[in-house]
Amino acid sequence: MQMSQTGPVAEIVRFRLKDGVDSAGFVADAKGTKGFMDRIGGCLSRQLSCGDDGIWTDHVIWASMDQAQTAQAAAMKEPSFAPFMTHIDPTSVEMRHAYLCWSTQME
């Protein structure tokens, strides 16, 4: 069954940090990207998590696929993303975009 190819898009990025990177410093640098995310537009939410296995997940909900792809291209050139990106092991990055089928906020 093919789902709708319109509407909000989940951007899911899984990765590991480079050896020796301080997690608290990495999270601080992630927070430093918020201004760009606000300016680029279309970001509905963002969560950053880390499992016991050391794999991090950056989970972003975009209003559309176009906005997700535009932001992805712009982030690579954005100075505020440089500190965040330098902590990530580039060989470990897995990224995907998928249309959101269902979402809820729990109370």
N, C-alpha and C. Protein backbone atom coordinates (compact mmCIF):
# COMPACT_ATOMS: atom_id res chain seq x y z
N MET A 1 0.84 -1.18 0.00
CA MET A 1 0.00 0.00 0.00
C MET A 1 0.89 1.25 0.00
N GLN A 2 0.69 2.11 -0.96
CA GLN A 2 1.46 3.35 -1.08
C GLN A 2 0.79 4.45 -0.26
N MET A 3 1.58 5.09 0.60
CA MET A 3 1.06 6.20 1.41
C MET A 3 1.17 7.49 0.60
N SER A 4 0.49 8.53 1.09
CA SER A 4 0.51 9.83 0.45
C SER A 4 1.93 10.38 0.38
N GLN A 5 2.27 11.02 -0.69
CA GLN A 5 3.58 11.63 -0.88
C GLN A 5 3.51 13.14 -0.69
N THR A 6 2.68 13.57 0.23
CA THR A 6 2.56 14.99 0.55
C THR A 6 2.52 15.15 2.06
N GLY A 7 2.68 16.37 2.51
CA GLY A 7 2.56 16.64 3.93
C GLY A 7 3.88 16.59 4.66
N PRO A 8 3.82 16.53 5.99
CA PRO A 8 5.04 16.56 6.80
C PRO A 8 5.97 15.39 6.51
N VAL A 9 7.26 15.67 6.70
CA VAL A 9 8.31 14.69 6.42
C VAL A 9 9.19 14.53 7.65
N ALA A 10 9.46 13.28 8.01
CA ALA A 10 10.40 12.99 9.09
C ALA A 10 11.79 12.83 8.48
N GLU A 11 12.74 13.57 9.05
CA GLU A 11 14.14 13.41 8.68
C GLU A 11 14.80 12.68 9.85
N ILE A 12 15.31 11.49 9.60
CA ILE A 12 15.90 10.67 10.65
C ILE A 12 17.38 10.48 10.30
N VAL A 13 18.25 10.97 11.18
CA VAL A 13 19.69 10.87 10.96
C VAL A 13 20.29 10.12 12.13
N ARG A 14 20.92 8.97 11.85
CA ARG A 14 21.59 8.17 12.88
C ARG A 14 23.09 8.28 12.66
N PHE A 15 23.85 8.39 13.77
CA PHE A 15 25.28 8.57 13.65
C PHE A 15 25.97 8.30 14.98
N ARG A 16 27.28 8.23 14.94
CA ARG A 16 28.12 8.16 16.14
C ARG A 16 28.98 9.42 16.18
N LEU A 17 29.37 9.77 17.39
CA LEU A 17 30.31 10.87 17.55
C LEU A 17 31.73 10.36 17.34
N LYS A 18 32.63 11.27 16.98
CA LYS A 18 34.04 10.91 16.87
C LYS A 18 34.56 10.56 18.25
N ASP A 19 35.59 9.72 18.31
CA ASP A 19 36.21 9.34 19.59
C ASP A 19 36.64 10.58 20.36
N GLY A 20 36.35 10.56 21.65
CA GLY A 20 36.78 11.64 22.54
C GLY A 20 35.88 12.85 22.60
N VAL A 21 34.81 12.87 21.83
CA VAL A 21 33.90 14.03 21.85
C VAL A 21 33.07 14.01 23.12
N ASP A 22 32.99 15.16 23.78
CA ASP A 22 32.20 15.33 24.99
C ASP A 22 30.72 15.46 24.61
N SER A 23 29.87 14.59 25.13
CA SER A 23 28.44 14.60 24.80
C SER A 23 27.77 15.92 25.15
N ALA A 24 28.10 16.48 26.31
CA ALA A 24 27.48 17.75 26.74
C ALA A 24 27.86 18.88 25.78
N GLY A 25 29.11 18.91 25.34
CA GLY A 25 29.53 19.92 24.37
C GLY A 25 28.84 19.74 23.04
N PHE A 26 28.65 18.48 22.63
CA PHE A 26 27.95 18.20 21.38
C PHE A 26 26.51 18.69 21.45
N VAL A 27 25.83 18.42 22.56
CA VAL A 27 24.44 18.86 22.72
C VAL A 27 24.38 20.39 22.71
N ALA A 28 25.33 21.05 23.35
CA ALA A 28 25.37 22.51 23.34
C ALA A 28 25.52 23.03 21.90
N ASP A 29 26.37 22.39 21.11
CA ASP A 29 26.54 22.80 19.72
C ASP A 29 25.28 22.50 18.90
N ALA A 30 24.58 21.43 19.22
CA ALA A 30 23.30 21.14 18.56
C ALA A 30 22.30 22.26 18.84
N LYS A 31 22.25 22.70 20.08
CA LYS A 31 21.35 23.81 20.44
C LYS A 31 21.72 25.08 19.69
N GLY A 32 22.99 25.23 19.34
CA GLY A 32 23.45 26.39 18.60
C GLY A 32 22.95 26.44 17.17
N THR A 33 22.35 25.37 16.68
CA THR A 33 21.80 25.35 15.32
C THR A 33 20.34 25.81 15.28
N LYS A 34 19.74 26.06 16.43
CA LYS A 34 18.32 26.41 16.49
C LYS A 34 17.99 27.69 15.70
N GLY A 35 18.86 28.68 15.79
CA GLY A 35 18.61 29.93 15.06
C GLY A 35 18.48 29.70 13.56
N PHE A 36 19.38 28.88 13.02
CA PHE A 36 19.30 28.54 11.60
C PHE A 36 18.00 27.80 11.30
N MET A 37 17.67 26.84 12.15
CA MET A 37 16.44 26.06 11.94
C MET A 37 15.22 26.97 11.94
N ASP A 38 15.21 27.96 12.82
CA ASP A 38 14.10 28.92 12.86
C ASP A 38 14.08 29.77 11.59
N ARG A 39 15.24 30.23 11.14
CA ARG A 39 15.32 31.10 9.95
C ARG A 39 14.96 30.37 8.66
N ILE A 40 15.37 29.12 8.54
CA ILE A 40 15.16 28.40 7.28
C ILE A 40 13.67 28.11 7.05
N GLY A 41 12.92 27.98 8.13
CA GLY A 41 11.48 27.76 8.04
C GLY A 41 11.11 26.32 7.73
N GLY A 42 9.93 25.95 8.15
CA GLY A 42 9.40 24.63 7.86
C GLY A 42 9.68 23.56 8.89
N CYS A 43 10.53 23.85 9.88
CA CYS A 43 10.84 22.87 10.92
C CYS A 43 9.71 22.89 11.95
N LEU A 44 9.03 21.77 12.09
CA LEU A 44 7.92 21.67 13.04
C LEU A 44 8.37 21.19 14.41
N SER A 45 9.39 20.32 14.44
CA SER A 45 9.93 19.84 15.72
C SER A 45 11.28 19.18 15.48
N ARG A 46 12.03 19.07 16.57
CA ARG A 46 13.34 18.41 16.48
C ARG A 46 13.66 17.79 17.83
N GLN A 47 14.14 16.55 17.81
CA GLN A 47 14.59 15.85 19.01
C GLN A 47 15.93 15.21 18.70
N LEU A 48 16.80 15.23 19.70
CA LEU A 48 18.11 14.59 19.59
C LEU A 48 18.21 13.58 20.72
N SER A 49 18.53 12.34 20.38
CA SER A 49 18.62 11.30 21.40
C SER A 49 19.88 10.47 21.20
N CYS A 50 20.27 9.75 22.29
CA CYS A 50 21.43 8.87 22.23
C CYS A 50 21.11 7.59 23.00
N GLY A 51 21.39 6.46 22.38
CA GLY A 51 21.17 5.16 23.02
C GLY A 51 22.38 4.71 23.80
N ASP A 52 22.19 3.69 24.61
CA ASP A 52 23.29 3.10 25.37
C ASP A 52 24.40 2.57 24.47
N ASP A 53 24.07 2.31 23.21
CA ASP A 53 25.05 1.79 22.25
C ASP A 53 25.90 2.90 21.63
N GLY A 54 25.64 4.17 22.01
CA GLY A 54 26.40 5.29 21.47
C GLY A 54 25.90 5.82 20.15
N ILE A 55 24.78 5.28 19.67
CA ILE A 55 24.21 5.77 18.42
C ILE A 55 23.25 6.91 18.74
N TRP A 56 23.49 8.04 18.09
CA TRP A 56 22.66 9.23 18.24
C TRP A 56 21.63 9.24 17.13
N THR A 57 20.47 9.85 17.41
CA THR A 57 19.44 10.05 16.39
C THR A 57 18.98 11.50 16.45
N ASP A 58 19.05 12.17 15.31
CA ASP A 58 18.52 13.52 15.16
C ASP A 58 17.23 13.34 14.36
N HIS A 59 16.10 13.62 15.01
CA HIS A 59 14.79 13.36 14.42
C HIS A 59 14.10 14.71 14.23
N VAL A 60 13.93 15.11 12.96
CA VAL A 60 13.36 16.41 12.63
C VAL A 60 12.09 16.20 11.82
N ILE A 61 11.04 16.94 12.17
CA ILE A 61 9.81 16.92 11.37
C ILE A 61 9.74 18.23 10.59
N TRP A 62 9.68 18.09 9.28
CA TRP A 62 9.57 19.23 8.36
C TRP A 62 8.17 19.32 7.79
N ALA A 63 7.74 20.50 7.43
CA ALA A 63 6.40 20.70 6.88
C ALA A 63 6.25 20.04 5.50
N SER A 64 7.35 19.91 4.76
CA SER A 64 7.27 19.30 3.42
C SER A 64 8.63 18.71 3.03
N MET A 65 8.63 17.89 2.01
CA MET A 65 9.86 17.31 1.49
C MET A 65 10.76 18.41 0.92
N ASP A 66 10.17 19.38 0.21
CA ASP A 66 10.96 20.48 -0.34
C ASP A 66 11.71 21.22 0.77
N GLN A 67 11.03 21.51 1.87
CA GLN A 67 11.68 22.22 2.97
C GLN A 67 12.78 21.38 3.61
N ALA A 68 12.56 20.09 3.74
CA ALA A 68 13.58 19.20 4.29
C ALA A 68 14.82 19.19 3.41
N GLN A 69 14.64 19.08 2.11
CA GLN A 69 15.77 19.02 1.20
C GLN A 69 16.49 20.36 1.09
N THR A 70 15.73 21.45 1.11
CA THR A 70 16.33 22.79 1.09
C THR A 70 17.18 23.01 2.33
N ALA A 71 16.65 22.64 3.49
CA ALA A 71 17.38 22.80 4.75
C ALA A 71 18.63 21.94 4.77
N GLN A 72 18.53 20.72 4.28
CA GLN A 72 19.69 19.82 4.26
C GLN A 72 20.82 20.43 3.44
N ALA A 73 20.51 20.96 2.26
CA ALA A 73 21.54 21.56 1.41
C ALA A 73 22.12 22.82 2.06
N ALA A 74 21.26 23.64 2.66
CA ALA A 74 21.71 24.89 3.28
C ALA A 74 22.53 24.64 4.53
N ALA A 75 22.21 23.60 5.28
CA ALA A 75 22.93 23.31 6.53
C ALA A 75 24.40 23.01 6.27
N MET A 76 24.70 22.41 5.13
CA MET A 76 26.09 22.07 4.82
C MET A 76 26.96 23.32 4.64
N LYS A 77 26.33 24.46 4.33
CA LYS A 77 27.05 25.72 4.13
C LYS A 77 26.86 26.68 5.29
N GLU A 78 26.05 26.32 6.28
CA GLU A 78 25.68 27.20 7.38
C GLU A 78 26.76 27.20 8.47
N PRO A 79 27.34 28.38 8.78
CA PRO A 79 28.40 28.44 9.82
C PRO A 79 27.98 27.90 11.19
N SER A 80 26.72 28.10 11.58
CA SER A 80 26.30 27.62 12.91
C SER A 80 26.23 26.10 12.98
N PHE A 81 26.21 25.42 11.84
CA PHE A 81 26.19 23.96 11.83
C PHE A 81 27.59 23.36 11.91
N ALA A 82 28.62 24.15 11.62
CA ALA A 82 29.99 23.63 11.58
C ALA A 82 30.42 22.99 12.90
N PRO A 83 30.26 23.65 14.07
CA PRO A 83 30.67 23.00 15.31
C PRO A 83 29.92 21.68 15.56
N PHE A 84 28.64 21.66 15.28
CA PHE A 84 27.81 20.46 15.43
C PHE A 84 28.34 19.33 14.54
N MET A 85 28.57 19.65 13.28
CA MET A 85 28.99 18.64 12.31
C MET A 85 30.40 18.10 12.57
N THR A 86 31.29 18.91 13.12
CA THR A 86 32.67 18.45 13.32
C THR A 86 32.77 17.35 14.37
N HIS A 87 31.76 17.20 15.22
CA HIS A 87 31.76 16.17 16.25
C HIS A 87 31.31 14.80 15.73
N ILE A 88 30.69 14.78 14.56
CA ILE A 88 30.06 13.56 14.04
C ILE A 88 31.05 12.77 13.19
N ASP A 89 31.10 11.45 13.41
CA ASP A 89 31.90 10.56 12.58
C ASP A 89 31.19 10.41 11.24
N PRO A 90 31.73 11.00 10.16
CA PRO A 90 31.02 11.00 8.88
C PRO A 90 30.80 9.60 8.29
N THR A 91 31.63 8.64 8.67
CA THR A 91 31.46 7.28 8.14
C THR A 91 30.28 6.56 8.77
N SER A 92 29.73 7.12 9.84
CA SER A 92 28.64 6.45 10.55
C SER A 92 27.25 7.00 10.21
N VAL A 93 27.19 8.04 9.42
CA VAL A 93 25.93 8.75 9.18
C VAL A 93 25.00 7.96 8.27
N GLU A 94 23.77 7.79 8.73
CA GLU A 94 22.67 7.21 7.93
C GLU A 94 21.52 8.20 7.98
N MET A 95 21.08 8.68 6.83
CA MET A 95 19.99 9.66 6.78
C MET A 95 18.88 9.15 5.88
N ARG A 96 17.65 9.42 6.32
CA ARG A 96 16.51 9.12 5.46
C ARG A 96 15.43 10.14 5.68
N HIS A 97 14.60 10.32 4.66
CA HIS A 97 13.41 11.17 4.74
C HIS A 97 12.20 10.27 4.45
N ALA A 98 11.17 10.44 5.25
CA ALA A 98 9.96 9.64 5.06
C ALA A 98 8.74 10.49 5.38
N TYR A 99 7.70 10.34 4.60
CA TYR A 99 6.46 11.08 4.84
C TYR A 99 5.83 10.60 6.14
N LEU A 100 5.38 11.54 6.93
CA LEU A 100 4.76 11.24 8.21
C LEU A 100 3.35 10.70 7.98
N CYS A 101 3.08 9.54 8.53
CA CYS A 101 1.77 8.89 8.36
C CYS A 101 0.86 9.12 9.55
N TRP A 102 1.46 9.29 10.74
CA TRP A 102 0.66 9.48 11.95
C TRP A 102 1.57 10.04 13.03
N SER A 103 1.01 10.91 13.88
CA SER A 103 1.78 11.49 14.97
C SER A 103 0.80 11.90 16.08
N THR A 104 1.30 11.87 17.32
CA THR A 104 0.49 12.34 18.44
C THR A 104 1.42 12.87 19.52
N GLN A 105 0.91 13.75 20.33
CA GLN A 105 1.61 14.24 21.52
C GLN A 105 0.92 13.60 22.72
N MET A 106 1.68 12.93 23.55
CA MET A 106 1.10 12.30 24.73
C MET A 106 1.04 13.31 25.87
N GLU A 107 0.01 13.22 26.64
CA GLU A 107 -0.15 14.14 27.78
C GLU A 107 0.15 13.45 29.09
